[in-house]
């Protein structure tokens, strides 16, 4: 059994099409098909359900796929370990992040690349569900996501920051002049919010419910940039995580207003699959994260914006305000 055969199988499972899998592996389709048939013969089990086209894997094939993904991941880990012994970390770190954490990823990737100049990073914006799947299938080395997600499975967690929620509203509105706003007050504004399939929005919906209201935004988006694109006319208001200030700031004519929230917001952090040894590239990113001070950097940025809004007394305290 050759590693190349396992690579072909993983590509076929990913592409779900023989020709596309062959293209991804830079071989002809007959060569890929022959290699997988040879793998079936060597293991003495049917791996692929065949018809006129690819119809999926057999139960035995699904098990072989899991081992193939694990073996190939271990091969990569070995190469990275050896690169460190030769004097420098090389290879590509595969990082996934939920959309609401993407604005702060550069706080980690930039110092990572500065420290490991021969390493590279590929970054994907993924849902929580996709992150869980890709970690299990060894398609990601590390992910940035909500740490209280029960679907993550067996992972190791490194906290980065707690989300703090702010109203972003035009300066001329009544709420724009308040030192702090309630979720019930926010619900009455012309709103644009993230779409309900986003975990961030579902968290916010819980806060709206706790304040006895239901938010009915006129505009919903599945990206943070989609929300911000509506804020330049000073008509719409939205609720943001303080982490988004790192990339997007406060648009001209808008003001940030702290919201009454629980003592502790949802935690965002890094997760890696619970396996030993840890992938070298993932371990290197975790080392950077422990020294990057993401929590402090975001709090300092938040205080700057609050002071710029005139809320000096609030900026000197925790953003969280009791009910």
C-alpha atoms as a PDB file:
ATOM      1  CA  UNK A   1       0.000   0.000   0.000  1.00  0.00           C
ATOM      2  CA  UNK A   2       1.478   3.327  -1.122  1.00  0.00           C
ATOM      3  CA  UNK A   3       0.827   6.758   0.369  1.00  0.00           C
ATOM      4  CA  UNK A   4      -0.037   7.934  -3.133  1.00  0.00           C
ATOM      5  CA  UNK A   5      -2.985   5.514  -3.209  1.00  0.00           C
ATOM      6  CA  UNK A   6      -4.260   7.018   0.028  1.00  0.00           C
ATOM      7  CA  UNK A   7      -3.897  10.516  -1.415  1.00  0.00           C
ATOM      8  CA  UNK A   8      -6.007   9.464  -4.410  1.00  0.00           C
ATOM      9  CA  UNK A   9      -8.712   8.078  -2.122  1.00  0.00           C
ATOM     10  CA  UNK A  10      -8.839  11.261  -0.024  1.00  0.00           C
ATOM     11  CA  UNK A  11      -9.062  13.362  -3.192  1.00  0.00           C
ATOM     12  CA  UNK A  12     -11.886  11.192  -4.564  1.00  0.00           C
ATOM     13  CA  UNK A  13     -13.845  11.472  -1.302  1.00  0.00           C
ATOM     14  CA  UNK A  14     -13.379  15.238  -1.365  1.00  0.00           C
ATOM     15  CA  UNK A  15     -14.178  15.831  -5.049  1.00  0.00           C
ATOM     16  CA  UNK A  16     -16.840  13.098  -5.350  1.00  0.00           C
ATOM     17  CA  UNK A  17     -15.890  12.742  -9.004  1.00  0.00           C
ATOM     18  CA  UNK A  18     -13.148  10.621 -10.596  1.00  0.00           C
ATOM     19  CA  UNK A  19     -12.084  13.176 -13.218  1.00  0.00           C
ATOM     20  CA  UNK A  20     -11.929  16.082 -10.763  1.00  0.00           C
ATOM     21  CA  UNK A  21     -10.010  13.960  -8.251  1.00  0.00           C
ATOM     22  CA  UNK A  22      -7.525  12.996 -10.970  1.00  0.00           C
ATOM     23  CA  UNK A  23      -7.057  16.649 -11.919  1.00  0.00           C
ATOM     24  CA  UNK A  24      -6.483  17.561  -8.272  1.00  0.00           C
ATOM     25  CA  UNK A  25      -3.780  14.875  -8.058  1.00  0.00           C
ATOM     26  CA  UNK A  26      -2.229  15.772 -11.438  1.00  0.00           C
ATOM     27  CA  UNK A  27      -2.720  12.274 -12.858  1.00  0.00           C
ATOM     28  CA  UNK A  28      -4.937  10.757 -15.506  1.00  0.00           C
ATOM     29  CA  UNK A  29      -8.322   9.366 -14.521  1.00  0.00           C
ATOM     30  CA  UNK A  30      -7.352   5.787 -15.525  1.00  0.00           C
ATOM     31  CA  UNK A  31      -4.255   6.029 -13.310  1.00  0.00           C
ATOM     32  CA  UNK A  32      -6.291   7.183 -10.324  1.00  0.00           C
ATOM     33  CA  UNK A  33      -8.958   4.517 -10.839  1.00  0.00           C
ATOM     34  CA  UNK A  34      -6.322   1.802 -11.213  1.00  0.00           C
ATOM     35  CA  UNK A  35      -4.557   2.899  -8.012  1.00  0.00           C
ATOM     36  CA  UNK A  36      -7.790   2.749  -5.992  1.00  0.00           C
ATOM     37  CA  UNK A  37      -8.659  -0.671  -7.448  1.00  0.00           C
ATOM     38  CA  UNK A  38      -5.198  -1.875  -6.431  1.00  0.00           C
ATOM     39  CA  UNK A  39      -5.815  -0.513  -2.909  1.00  0.00           C
ATOM     40  CA  UNK A  40      -9.069  -2.493  -2.762  1.00  0.00           C
ATOM     41  CA  UNK A  41      -7.217  -5.641  -3.808  1.00  0.00           C
ATOM     42  CA  UNK A  42      -4.460  -5.150  -1.243  1.00  0.00           C
ATOM     43  CA  UNK A  43      -6.944  -4.546   1.605  1.00  0.00           C
ATOM     44  CA  UNK A  44      -9.387  -7.167   0.268  1.00  0.00           C
ATOM     45  CA  UNK A  45     -12.428  -4.925   0.751  1.00  0.00           C
ATOM     46  CA  UNK A  46     -14.630  -2.899  -1.603  1.00  0.00           C
ATOM     47  CA  UNK A  47     -13.911   0.792  -1.071  1.00  0.00           C
ATOM     48  CA  UNK A  48     -15.849   2.620  -3.782  1.00  0.00           C
ATOM     49  CA  UNK A  49     -19.474   2.114  -4.759  1.00  0.00           C
ATOM     50  CA  UNK A  50     -19.345   2.226  -8.533  1.00  0.00           C
ATOM     51  CA  UNK A  51     -22.033   2.834 -11.092  1.00  0.00           C
ATOM     52  CA  UNK A  52     -21.932   4.916 -14.215  1.00  0.00           C
ATOM     53  CA  UNK A  53     -20.324   7.540 -12.002  1.00  0.00           C
ATOM     54  CA  UNK A  54     -18.939   7.858  -8.470  1.00  0.00           C
ATOM     55  CA  UNK A  55     -21.708   6.895  -6.022  1.00  0.00           C
ATOM     56  CA  UNK A  56     -19.836   7.216  -2.728  1.00  0.00           C
ATOM     57  CA  UNK A  57     -17.813   4.948  -0.476  1.00  0.00           C
ATOM     58  CA  UNK A  58     -18.778   1.630   1.033  1.00  0.00           C
ATOM     59  CA  UNK A  59     -18.862   1.311   4.842  1.00  0.00           C
ATOM     60  CA  UNK A  60     -15.435  -0.316   4.592  1.00  0.00           C
ATOM     61  CA  UNK A  61     -14.330   2.528   2.348  1.00  0.00           C
ATOM     62  CA  UNK A  62     -15.414   5.115   4.932  1.00  0.00           C
ATOM     63  CA  UNK A  63     -13.243   3.389   7.519  1.00  0.00           C
ATOM     64  CA  UNK A  64     -10.298   3.209   5.121  1.00  0.00           C
ATOM     65  CA  UNK A  65     -10.786   6.927   4.387  1.00  0.00           C
ATOM     66  CA  UNK A  66     -10.474   7.820   8.072  1.00  0.00           C
ATOM     67  CA  UNK A  67      -7.226   5.900   8.324  1.00  0.00           C
ATOM     68  CA  UNK A  68      -5.966   7.414   5.088  1.00  0.00           C
ATOM     69  CA  UNK A  69      -6.615  10.937   6.398  1.00  0.00           C
ATOM     70  CA  UNK A  70      -4.858  10.074   9.648  1.00  0.00           C
ATOM     71  CA  UNK A  71      -1.839   8.477   7.942  1.00  0.00           C
ATOM     72  CA  UNK A  72      -1.384  11.418   5.565  1.00  0.00           C
ATOM     73  CA  UNK A  73      -1.694  13.866   8.465  1.00  0.00           C
ATOM     74  CA  UNK A  74       0.986  11.947  10.345  1.00  0.00           C
ATOM     75  CA  UNK A  75       3.203  12.061   7.264  1.00  0.00           C
ATOM     76  CA  UNK A  76       2.869  15.850   7.179  1.00  0.00           C
ATOM     77  CA  UNK A  77       3.571  16.028  10.913  1.00  0.00           C
ATOM     78  CA  UNK A  78       6.755  14.001  10.445  1.00  0.00           C
ATOM     79  CA  UNK A  79       7.969  16.308   7.691  1.00  0.00           C
ATOM     80  CA  UNK A  80       7.309  19.370   9.849  1.00  0.00           C
ATOM     81  CA  UNK A  81       9.105  17.827  12.827  1.00  0.00           C
ATOM     82  CA  UNK A  82      12.127  17.133  10.655  1.00  0.00           C
ATOM     83  CA  UNK A  83      12.067  20.668   9.240  1.00  0.00           C
ATOM     84  CA  UNK A  84      12.307  22.023  12.783  1.00  0.00           C
ATOM     85  CA  UNK A  85      15.285  19.746  13.484  1.00  0.00           C
ATOM     86  CA  UNK A  86      16.945  21.087  10.336  1.00  0.00           C
ATOM     87  CA  UNK A  87      16.717  24.593  11.763  1.00  0.00           C
ATOM     88  CA  UNK A  88      13.440  26.136  10.684  1.00  0.00           C
ATOM     89  CA  UNK A  89       9.714  25.483  10.510  1.00  0.00           C
ATOM     90  CA  UNK A  90       8.390  24.961   6.992  1.00  0.00           C
ATOM     91  CA  UNK A  91       5.102  23.859   5.482  1.00  0.00           C
ATOM     92  CA  UNK A  92       1.616  25.326   5.330  1.00  0.00           C
ATOM     93  CA  UNK A  93      -0.549  25.932   8.376  1.00  0.00           C
ATOM     94  CA  UNK A  94      -4.195  25.229   7.527  1.00  0.00           C
ATOM     95  CA  UNK A  95      -6.300  27.592   9.643  1.00  0.00           C
ATOM     96  CA  UNK A  96     -10.093  27.823   9.681  1.00  0.00           C
ATOM     97  CA  UNK A  97     -12.101  30.565  11.383  1.00  0.00           C
ATOM     98  CA  UNK A  98     -15.755  31.340  11.916  1.00  0.00           C
ATOM     99  CA  UNK A  99     -16.759  34.488   9.972  1.00  0.00           C
ATOM    100  CA  UNK A 100     -17.177  36.600  13.116  1.00  0.00           C
ATOM    101  CA  UNK A 101     -13.594  35.858  14.202  1.00  0.00           C
ATOM    102  CA  UNK A 102     -12.012  36.594  10.818  1.00  0.00           C
ATOM    103  CA  UNK A 103     -11.479  40.326  11.599  1.00  0.00           C
ATOM    104  CA  UNK A 104      -8.904  39.448  14.301  1.00  0.00           C
ATOM    105  CA  UNK A 105      -7.090  36.504  12.706  1.00  0.00           C
ATOM    106  CA  UNK A 106      -4.246  38.785  11.601  1.00  0.00           C
ATOM    107  CA  UNK A 107      -3.350  39.338  15.271  1.00  0.00           C
ATOM    108  CA  UNK A 108      -2.065  35.742  15.147  1.00  0.00           C
ATOM    109  CA  UNK A 109      -1.087  35.065  11.540  1.00  0.00           C
ATOM    110  CA  UNK A 110       1.130  38.135  11.188  1.00  0.00           C
ATOM    111  CA  UNK A 111       3.373  37.367  14.200  1.00  0.00           C
ATOM    112  CA  UNK A 112       3.334  33.678  13.204  1.00  0.00           C
ATOM    113  CA  UNK A 113       4.740  34.466   9.752  1.00  0.00           C
ATOM    114  CA  UNK A 114       7.218  36.964  11.205  1.00  0.00           C
ATOM    115  CA  UNK A 115       8.538  34.295  13.560  1.00  0.00           C
ATOM    116  CA  UNK A 116       8.510  31.430  11.030  1.00  0.00           C
ATOM    117  CA  UNK A 117       9.547  33.061   7.778  1.00  0.00           C
ATOM    118  CA  UNK A 118       9.631  29.809   5.796  1.00  0.00           C
ATOM    119  CA  UNK A 119       6.113  28.743   6.826  1.00  0.00           C
ATOM    120  CA  UNK A 120       2.891  29.666   5.055  1.00  0.00           C
ATOM    121  CA  UNK A 121      -0.744  30.009   6.112  1.00  0.00           C
ATOM    122  CA  UNK A 122      -3.953  29.136   4.276  1.00  0.00           C
ATOM    123  CA  UNK A 123      -7.047  30.680   5.854  1.00  0.00           C
ATOM    124  CA  UNK A 124     -10.658  29.561   5.337  1.00  0.00           C
ATOM    125  CA  UNK A 125     -13.870  31.158   6.562  1.00  0.00           C
ATOM    126  CA  UNK A 126     -15.961  28.241   7.812  1.00  0.00           C
ATOM    127  CA  UNK A 127     -19.108  27.530   9.779  1.00  0.00           C
ATOM    128  CA  UNK A 128     -18.828  25.826  13.161  1.00  0.00           C
ATOM    129  CA  UNK A 129     -20.146  22.636  11.567  1.00  0.00           C
ATOM    130  CA  UNK A 130     -17.524  22.708   8.809  1.00  0.00           C
ATOM    131  CA  UNK A 131     -14.774  23.332  11.353  1.00  0.00           C
ATOM    132  CA  UNK A 132     -15.800  20.271  13.347  1.00  0.00           C
ATOM    133  CA  UNK A 133     -15.843  18.109  10.217  1.00  0.00           C
ATOM    134  CA  UNK A 134     -12.540  19.368   8.819  1.00  0.00           C
ATOM    135  CA  UNK A 135     -10.755  18.896  12.138  1.00  0.00           C
ATOM    136  CA  UNK A 136     -12.045  15.322  12.344  1.00  0.00           C
ATOM    137  CA  UNK A 137     -10.959  14.628   8.762  1.00  0.00           C
ATOM    138  CA  UNK A 138      -7.477  16.160   9.247  1.00  0.00           C
ATOM    139  CA  UNK A 139      -8.234  18.890   6.700  1.00  0.00           C
ATOM    140  CA  UNK A 140      -7.428  21.631   9.240  1.00  0.00           C
ATOM    141  CA  UNK A 141      -4.523  22.015  11.627  1.00  0.00           C
ATOM    142  CA  UNK A 142      -6.213  24.535  13.891  1.00  0.00           C
ATOM    143  CA  UNK A 143      -9.413  26.591  13.990  1.00  0.00           C
ATOM    144  CA  UNK A 144     -10.679  29.778  15.635  1.00  0.00           C
ATOM    145  CA  UNK A 145     -14.241  29.342  16.869  1.00  0.00           C
ATOM    146  CA  UNK A 146     -16.608  29.543  19.839  1.00  0.00           C
ATOM    147  CA  UNK A 147     -15.242  27.375  22.627  1.00  0.00           C
ATOM    148  CA  UNK A 148     -18.665  26.584  24.107  1.00  0.00           C
ATOM    149  CA  UNK A 149     -19.744  24.781  20.922  1.00  0.00           C
ATOM    150  CA  UNK A 150     -20.894  21.313  22.048  1.00  0.00           C
ATOM    151  CA  UNK A 151     -20.394  19.862  18.559  1.00  0.00           C
ATOM    152  CA  UNK A 152     -16.613  20.305  18.535  1.00  0.00           C
ATOM    153  CA  UNK A 153     -15.905  16.800  19.788  1.00  0.00           C
ATOM    154  CA  UNK A 154     -12.509  15.850  21.179  1.00  0.00           C
ATOM    155  CA  UNK A 155     -10.404  18.994  20.860  1.00  0.00           C
ATOM    156  CA  UNK A 156      -7.880  20.984  22.868  1.00  0.00           C
ATOM    157  CA  UNK A 157      -8.907  24.583  23.515  1.00  0.00           C
ATOM    158  CA  UNK A 158      -6.907  27.790  23.936  1.00  0.00           C
ATOM    159  CA  UNK A 159      -9.066  30.823  24.897  1.00  0.00           C
ATOM    160  CA  UNK A 160      -8.332  34.115  23.137  1.00  0.00           C
ATOM    161  CA  UNK A 161     -11.053  36.589  24.138  1.00  0.00           C
ATOM    162  CA  UNK A 162     -14.670  37.001  25.238  1.00  0.00           C
ATOM    163  CA  UNK A 163     -17.033  38.688  22.810  1.00  0.00           C
ATOM    164  CA  UNK A 164     -18.380  42.010  24.060  1.00  0.00           C
ATOM    165  CA  UNK A 165     -21.363  43.450  22.266  1.00  0.00           C
ATOM    166  CA  UNK A 166     -21.819  47.046  21.192  1.00  0.00           C
ATOM    167  CA  UNK A 167     -24.533  49.012  19.478  1.00  0.00           C
ATOM    168  CA  UNK A 168     -23.209  50.776  16.397  1.00  0.00           C
ATOM    169  CA  UNK A 169     -25.660  53.538  15.582  1.00  0.00           C
ATOM    170  CA  UNK A 170     -25.757  56.989  13.901  1.00  0.00           C
ATOM    171  CA  UNK A 171     -24.676  59.818  16.184  1.00  0.00           C
ATOM    172  CA  UNK A 172     -27.897  61.736  15.666  1.00  0.00           C
ATOM    173  CA  UNK A 173     -30.132  58.985  17.129  1.00  0.00           C
ATOM    174  CA  UNK A 174     -31.394  59.130  20.687  1.00  0.00           C
ATOM    175  CA  UNK A 175     -29.517  55.975  21.631  1.00  0.00           C
ATOM    176  CA  UNK A 176     -26.320  57.454  20.190  1.00  0.00           C
ATOM    177  CA  UNK A 177     -26.275  59.889  23.100  1.00  0.00           C
ATOM    178  CA  UNK A 178     -26.716  57.269  25.842  1.00  0.00           C
ATOM    179  CA  UNK A 179     -23.861  55.922  28.003  1.00  0.00           C
ATOM    180  CA  UNK A 180     -25.331  52.412  27.781  1.00  0.00           C
ATOM    181  CA  UNK A 181     -28.263  50.837  25.919  1.00  0.00           C
ATOM    182  CA  UNK A 182     -30.556  47.892  26.540  1.00  0.00           C
ATOM    183  CA  UNK A 183     -31.343  45.159  24.049  1.00  0.00           C
ATOM    184  CA  UNK A 184     -35.001  46.203  24.134  1.00  0.00           C
ATOM    185  CA  UNK A 185     -34.027  49.701  23.032  1.00  0.00           C
ATOM    186  CA  UNK A 186     -31.904  48.301  20.219  1.00  0.00           C
ATOM    187  CA  UNK A 187     -34.777  46.151  18.918  1.00  0.00           C
ATOM    188  CA  UNK A 188     -36.780  49.296  18.147  1.00  0.00           C
ATOM    189  CA  UNK A 189     -34.135  50.697  15.763  1.00  0.00           C
ATOM    190  CA  UNK A 190     -33.868  50.186  11.979  1.00  0.00           C
ATOM    191  CA  UNK A 191     -31.520  47.204  12.149  1.00  0.00           C
ATOM    192  CA  UNK A 192     -29.195  45.173   9.999  1.00  0.00           C
ATOM    193  CA  UNK A 193     -27.928  42.027  11.728  1.00  0.00           C
ATOM    194  CA  UNK A 194     -26.225  38.764  10.916  1.00  0.00           C
ATOM    195  CA  UNK A 195     -28.498  36.045   9.554  1.00  0.00           C
ATOM    196  CA  UNK A 196     -30.149  33.567  11.972  1.00  0.00           C
ATOM    197  CA  UNK A 197     -27.999  30.644  10.803  1.00  0.00           C
ATOM    198  CA  UNK A 198     -24.961  32.412  12.285  1.00  0.00           C
ATOM    199  CA  UNK A 199     -24.083  31.406  15.839  1.00  0.00           C
ATOM    200  CA  UNK A 200     -23.298  35.014  16.735  1.00  0.00           C
ATOM    201  CA  UNK A 201     -26.850  36.021  15.796  1.00  0.00           C
ATOM    202  CA  UNK A 202     -28.344  33.180  17.812  1.00  0.00           C
ATOM    203  CA  UNK A 203     -26.382  34.372  20.850  1.00  0.00           C
ATOM    204  CA  UNK A 204     -27.724  37.886  20.339  1.00  0.00           C
ATOM    205  CA  UNK A 205     -31.260  36.560  19.933  1.00  0.00           C
ATOM    206  CA  UNK A 206     -30.932  35.070  23.402  1.00  0.00           C
ATOM    207  CA  UNK A 207     -30.041  38.475  24.826  1.00  0.00           C
ATOM    208  CA  UNK A 208     -32.989  40.081  23.026  1.00  0.00           C
ATOM    209  CA  UNK A 209     -35.281  37.395  24.450  1.00  0.00           C
ATOM    210  CA  UNK A 210     -33.922  37.893  27.951  1.00  0.00           C
ATOM    211  CA  UNK A 211     -34.874  41.579  27.629  1.00  0.00           C
ATOM    212  CA  UNK A 212     -38.421  40.639  26.566  1.00  0.00           C
ATOM    213  CA  UNK A 213     -38.184  41.529  22.867  1.00  0.00           C
ATOM    214  CA  UNK A 214     -37.616  39.955  19.451  1.00  0.00           C
ATOM    215  CA  UNK A 215     -35.346  41.670  16.942  1.00  0.00           C
ATOM    216  CA  UNK A 216     -36.786  42.042  13.419  1.00  0.00           C
ATOM    217  CA  UNK A 217     -33.972  43.427  11.264  1.00  0.00           C
ATOM    218  CA  UNK A 218     -34.820  44.738   7.827  1.00  0.00           C
ATOM    219  CA  UNK A 219     -31.481  43.530   6.478  1.00  0.00           C
ATOM    220  CA  UNK A 220     -29.624  40.312   7.295  1.00  0.00           C
ATOM    221  CA  UNK A 221     -26.196  39.218   6.087  1.00  0.00           C
ATOM    222  CA  UNK A 222     -23.958  36.190   6.553  1.00  0.00           C
ATOM    223  CA  UNK A 223     -20.806  38.349   6.623  1.00  0.00           C
ATOM    224  CA  UNK A 224     -19.543  41.117   8.867  1.00  0.00           C
ATOM    225  CA  UNK A 225     -18.547  43.161   5.824  1.00  0.00           C
ATOM    226  CA  UNK A 226     -22.143  42.873   4.581  1.00  0.00           C
ATOM    227  CA  UNK A 227     -23.341  44.623   7.731  1.00  0.00           C
ATOM    228  CA  UNK A 228     -20.726  47.351   7.583  1.00  0.00           C
ATOM    229  CA  UNK A 229     -21.531  48.083   3.945  1.00  0.00           C
ATOM    230  CA  UNK A 230     -24.923  49.415   5.084  1.00  0.00           C
ATOM    231  CA  UNK A 231     -23.615  51.784   7.735  1.00  0.00           C
ATOM    232  CA  UNK A 232     -22.221  54.575   5.600  1.00  0.00           C
ATOM    233  CA  UNK A 233     -25.565  56.244   4.978  1.00  0.00           C
ATOM    234  CA  UNK A 234     -26.164  56.831   8.705  1.00  0.00           C
ATOM    235  CA  UNK A 235     -29.565  55.170   8.458  1.00  0.00           C
ATOM    236  CA  UNK A 236     -29.049  51.671   9.845  1.00  0.00           C
ATOM    237  CA  UNK A 237     -27.886  50.468  13.225  1.00  0.00           C
ATOM    238  CA  UNK A 238     -26.319  47.114  14.063  1.00  0.00           C
ATOM    239  CA  UNK A 239     -24.880  45.112  16.954  1.00  0.00           C
ATOM    240  CA  UNK A 240     -21.210  44.237  16.684  1.00  0.00           C
ATOM    241  CA  UNK A 241     -18.639  42.251  18.603  1.00  0.00           C
ATOM    242  CA  UNK A 242     -15.860  44.493  19.904  1.00  0.00           C
ATOM    243  CA  UNK A 243     -13.410  42.290  17.975  1.00  0.00           C
ATOM    244  CA  UNK A 244     -14.730  43.687  14.691  1.00  0.00           C
ATOM    245  CA  UNK A 245     -13.365  47.113  15.597  1.00  0.00           C
ATOM    246  CA  UNK A 246      -9.880  45.769  14.837  1.00  0.00           C
ATOM    247  CA  UNK A 247     -10.632  45.565  11.120  1.00  0.00           C
ATOM    248  CA  UNK A 248     -13.606  47.830  10.517  1.00  0.00           C
ATOM    249  CA  UNK A 249     -13.460  50.492  13.238  1.00  0.00           C
ATOM    250  CA  UNK A 250     -16.343  52.958  13.569  1.00  0.00           C
ATOM    251  CA  UNK A 251     -17.639  54.474  10.326  1.00  0.00           C
ATOM    252  CA  UNK A 252     -17.840  58.248  10.083  1.00  0.00           C
ATOM    253  CA  UNK A 253     -21.028  59.611  11.641  1.00  0.00           C
ATOM    254  CA  UNK A 254     -21.527  56.476  13.776  1.00  0.00           C
ATOM    255  CA  UNK A 255     -21.051  55.895  17.497  1.00  0.00           C
ATOM    256  CA  UNK A 256     -20.443  52.816  19.618  1.00  0.00           C
ATOM    257  CA  UNK A 257     -22.673  52.376  22.675  1.00  0.00           C
ATOM    258  CA  UNK A 258     -22.076  49.600  25.251  1.00  0.00           C
ATOM    259  CA  UNK A 259     -24.919  47.124  25.727  1.00  0.00           C
ATOM    260  CA  UNK A 260     -26.110  45.586  28.971  1.00  0.00           C
ATOM    261  CA  UNK A 261     -24.862  42.008  28.804  1.00  0.00           C
ATOM    262  CA  UNK A 262     -24.127  39.053  31.092  1.00  0.00           C
ATOM    263  CA  UNK A 263     -21.014  39.056  33.257  1.00  0.00           C
ATOM    264  CA  UNK A 264     -19.205  36.811  30.762  1.00  0.00           C
ATOM    265  CA  UNK A 265     -19.716  36.773  27.011  1.00  0.00           C
ATOM    266  CA  UNK A 266     -19.151  33.809  24.680  1.00  0.00           C
ATOM    267  CA  UNK A 267     -15.500  32.762  24.493  1.00  0.00           C
ATOM    268  CA  UNK A 268     -13.611  32.604  21.213  1.00  0.00           C
ATOM    269  CA  UNK A 269     -10.372  30.668  20.946  1.00  0.00           C
ATOM    270  CA  UNK A 270      -8.217  28.214  19.064  1.00  0.00           C
ATOM    271  CA  UNK A 271      -9.021  24.510  18.872  1.00  0.00           C
ATOM    272  CA  UNK A 272      -6.962  21.601  17.587  1.00  0.00           C
ATOM    273  CA  UNK A 273      -7.828  17.924  17.367  1.00  0.00           C
ATOM    274  CA  UNK A 274      -6.984  16.027  20.566  1.00  0.00           C
ATOM    275  CA  UNK A 275      -4.252  13.773  19.247  1.00  0.00           C
ATOM    276  CA  UNK A 276      -0.594  13.194  20.035  1.00  0.00           C
ATOM    277  CA  UNK A 277       1.784  14.431  19.048  1.00  0.00           C
ATOM    278  CA  UNK A 278       0.280  17.833  18.279  1.00  0.00           C
ATOM    279  CA  UNK A 279       0.957  19.004  14.719  1.00  0.00           C
ATOM    280  CA  UNK A 280       4.095  21.136  14.780  1.00  0.00           C
ATOM    281  CA  UNK A 281       2.530  24.020  12.857  1.00  0.00           C
ATOM    282  CA  UNK A 282      -0.523  24.074  15.131  1.00  0.00           C
ATOM    283  CA  UNK A 283       1.709  24.014  18.201  1.00  0.00           C
ATOM    284  CA  UNK A 284       3.701  26.930  16.779  1.00  0.00           C
ATOM    285  CA  UNK A 285       0.531  28.986  16.310  1.00  0.00           C
ATOM    286  CA  UNK A 286      -0.574  28.200  19.867  1.00  0.00           C
ATOM    287  CA  UNK A 287       2.797  29.453  21.121  1.00  0.00           C
ATOM    288  CA  UNK A 288       2.253  32.703  19.219  1.00  0.00           C
ATOM    289  CA  UNK A 289      -1.298  32.997  20.575  1.00  0.00           C
ATOM    290  CA  UNK A 290      -0.131  32.679  24.180  1.00  0.00           C
ATOM    291  CA  UNK A 291       2.180  35.652  23.697  1.00  0.00           C
ATOM    292  CA  UNK A 292       0.026  37.774  21.382  1.00  0.00           C
ATOM    293  CA  UNK A 293      -2.249  39.137  24.110  1.00  0.00           C
ATOM    294  CA  UNK A 294      -5.324  39.173  21.862  1.00  0.00           C
ATOM    295  CA  UNK A 295      -7.691  39.776  24.797  1.00  0.00           C
ATOM    296  CA  UNK A 296      -5.707  42.807  26.005  1.00  0.00           C
ATOM    297  CA  UNK A 297      -5.228  44.217  22.503  1.00  0.00           C
ATOM    298  CA  UNK A 298      -8.973  44.104  21.804  1.00  0.00           C
ATOM    299  CA  UNK A 299      -9.844  45.615  25.196  1.00  0.00           C
ATOM    300  CA  UNK A 300      -7.382  48.457  24.609  1.00  0.00           C
ATOM    301  CA  UNK A 301      -8.867  49.091  21.176  1.00  0.00           C
ATOM    302  CA  UNK A 302     -12.363  49.109  22.630  1.00  0.00           C
ATOM    303  CA  UNK A 303     -11.379  51.628  25.280  1.00  0.00           C
ATOM    304  CA  UNK A 304      -9.947  53.918  22.618  1.00  0.00           C
ATOM    305  CA  UNK A 305     -13.249  53.905  20.731  1.00  0.00           C
ATOM    306  CA  UNK A 306     -15.276  54.407  23.885  1.00  0.00           C
ATOM    307  CA  UNK A 307     -13.146  57.360  24.902  1.00  0.00           C
ATOM    308  CA  UNK A 308     -13.525  58.733  21.407  1.00  0.00           C
ATOM    309  CA  UNK A 309     -17.276  58.512  21.929  1.00  0.00           C
ATOM    310  CA  UNK A 310     -17.034  60.418  25.198  1.00  0.00           C
ATOM    311  CA  UNK A 311     -17.650  57.477  27.537  1.00  0.00           C
ATOM    312  CA  UNK A 312     -14.548  57.914  29.707  1.00  0.00           C
ATOM    313  CA  UNK A 313     -16.177  56.515  32.820  1.00  0.00           C
ATOM    314  CA  UNK A 314     -17.288  53.351  31.028  1.00  0.00           C
ATOM    315  CA  UNK A 315     -14.006  52.904  29.214  1.00  0.00           C
ATOM    316  CA  UNK A 316     -12.147  52.720  32.510  1.00  0.00           C
ATOM    317  CA  UNK A 317     -14.316  49.802  33.627  1.00  0.00           C
ATOM    318  CA  UNK A 318     -15.275  46.457  32.189  1.00  0.00           C
ATOM    319  CA  UNK A 319     -17.651  46.825  29.263  1.00  0.00           C
ATOM    320  CA  UNK A 320     -20.050  44.383  30.882  1.00  0.00           C
ATOM    321  CA  UNK A 321     -22.833  46.213  32.681  1.00  0.00           C
ATOM    322  CA  UNK A 322     -25.142  44.582  35.146  1.00  0.00           C
ATOM    323  CA  UNK A 323     -28.872  44.410  34.456  1.00  0.00           C
END
